[in-house]
Amino acid sequence: MAFFHSGELVMKYSESLKKNKDFQNIYKKGISCANKYLVMYQMENGKSRNRIGISVSKKVGNSIVRHRITRLVRESYRLNEESFRCGYDLVVIARAGAKGRTYQEIESALLHLGNLHKILV
């Protein structure tokens, strides 16, 4: 369940990854799995909550396309947040195939990767 804090949608069990050094650290030390639309890096963080970062490169499309994919991934994670085990840093990278996909396709791809990483409850 998410709630609003000063007009912003907040995740209950997670926070966002924003720093480049955090992303780089996860790319270096984390484990990755991929499917047609997304790549997910995962690494234990020793905390009681998850931290999630979403990356969509310019190769995927213009800013409108990139922001839409980011919103779809974030919303998919938010609505399924209770299914993910806590204590992980996750970086989700959108592949070019994600362009033009529906919410259901992105959600399905995200859950598939969670399953591959064995971090779904």
Foldseek 3Di string as FASTA:
>chain_A
DWDDDPNDTGADQEEEDDDPVVVVVQVVPWDWDADDWKIKTKDFAPDQGEYEYEEEDCVLDDPVQRVVLVVLLVVLCRVQVVQFHGGMYMYMYTDNSNGPDDSVVNSVRVVVRSVVVVGTD
